[in-house]
Protein backbone atom coordinates (compact mmCIF):
# COMPACT_ATOMS: atom_id res chain seq x y z
CA MET A 1 56.59 118.15 80.96
CA TYR A 2 57.04 115.88 78.28
CA LYS A 3 59.78 115.47 75.41
CA GLN A 4 59.72 113.53 72.28
CA LEU A 5 63.33 111.41 71.79
CA THR A 6 64.32 109.53 69.05
CA VAL A 7 65.01 105.71 69.44
CA ILE A 8 67.17 103.46 66.82
CA ILE A 9 66.85 100.01 67.51
CA GLU A 10 69.25 97.33 65.35
CA LYS A 11 69.38 93.32 66.26
CA GLU A 12 72.50 92.06 67.76
CA ASP A 13 73.94 88.72 68.89
CA GLY A 14 69.96 87.79 69.97
CA GLY A 15 68.57 90.64 71.38
CA TYR A 16 67.70 94.22 70.46
CA VAL A 17 70.06 97.28 71.41
CA ALA A 18 68.52 100.59 71.40
CA LEU A 19 69.67 104.00 71.18
CA CYS A 20 68.59 107.66 71.71
CA PRO A 21 71.06 109.44 69.93
CA GLU A 22 69.94 113.10 71.51
CA VAL A 23 71.52 111.98 74.59
CA ASP A 24 73.73 109.63 73.38
CA VAL A 25 71.57 106.85 76.41
CA ALA A 26 71.61 103.19 74.78
CA SER A 27 70.10 100.09 76.31
CA GLN A 28 69.23 96.76 75.37
CA GLY A 29 66.73 93.70 75.40
CA GLU A 30 65.53 90.61 74.10
CA SER A 31 62.98 91.74 71.68
CA ILE A 32 61.89 94.90 70.87
CA GLU A 33 59.36 96.24 73.18
CA GLU A 34 62.19 95.47 76.00
CA ALA A 35 64.46 96.43 74.04
CA LYS A 36 62.15 100.38 74.19
CA ASN A 37 60.83 99.87 77.24
CA ASN A 38 64.20 99.39 79.07
CA LEU A 39 65.02 102.91 77.18
CA LYS A 40 62.49 104.66 78.56
CA GLU A 41 63.85 103.70 81.76
CA ALA A 42 67.35 104.61 81.57
CA LEU A 43 66.21 108.08 80.10
CA GLU A 44 64.29 108.72 82.57
CA LEU A 45 66.96 108.20 85.08
CA PHE A 46 69.30 110.05 83.43
CA PHE A 47 67.20 112.65 83.46
CA GLU A 48 66.70 112.44 86.85
CA THR A 49 70.13 112.52 87.63
CA ALA A 50 72.26 113.94 85.45
CA SER A 51 72.38 118.01 86.00
CA ARG A 52 71.37 120.68 84.19
CA GLU A 53 74.31 121.24 82.67
CA GLU A 54 74.97 118.39 81.34
CA ILE A 55 71.54 117.91 79.97
CA GLU A 56 72.33 121.20 78.22
CA SER A 57 75.30 119.97 76.70
CA ARG A 58 74.02 116.64 75.45
CA MET A 59 70.97 118.16 73.95
CA GLY A 60 72.77 120.99 71.63
CA ASN A 61 72.66 118.84 68.80
CA GLU A 62 69.98 118.39 65.71
CA VAL A 63 69.45 114.61 65.50
CA TYR A 64 68.05 113.74 62.10
CA VAL A 65 66.88 109.89 60.98
CA THR A 66 67.07 109.02 57.32
CA GLN A 67 68.26 106.48 54.25
CA VAL A 68 70.32 106.39 51.77
CA GLU A 69 71.02 104.55 48.19
CA ILE A 70 73.68 103.59 47.13
CA ALA A 71 74.26 100.70 44.25
CA VAL A 72 75.97 97.61 45.34
CA GLY A 73 77.98 95.04 43.71
């Protein structure tokens, strides 16, 4: 079974942090691709080891990623 999840990647302190907000799992890497691959590995491990109850409690929320425009200065 496959599941599509959201990945947010931010540059931070000379590397990148990748976050999956649906299950609140994060990882990091020296490049965007490494951070993404490390997060994928962390997510696979989470789904292999977490109880059904833990997975269901984290997957209950919908996540929306969007942008807003604001006036600055």
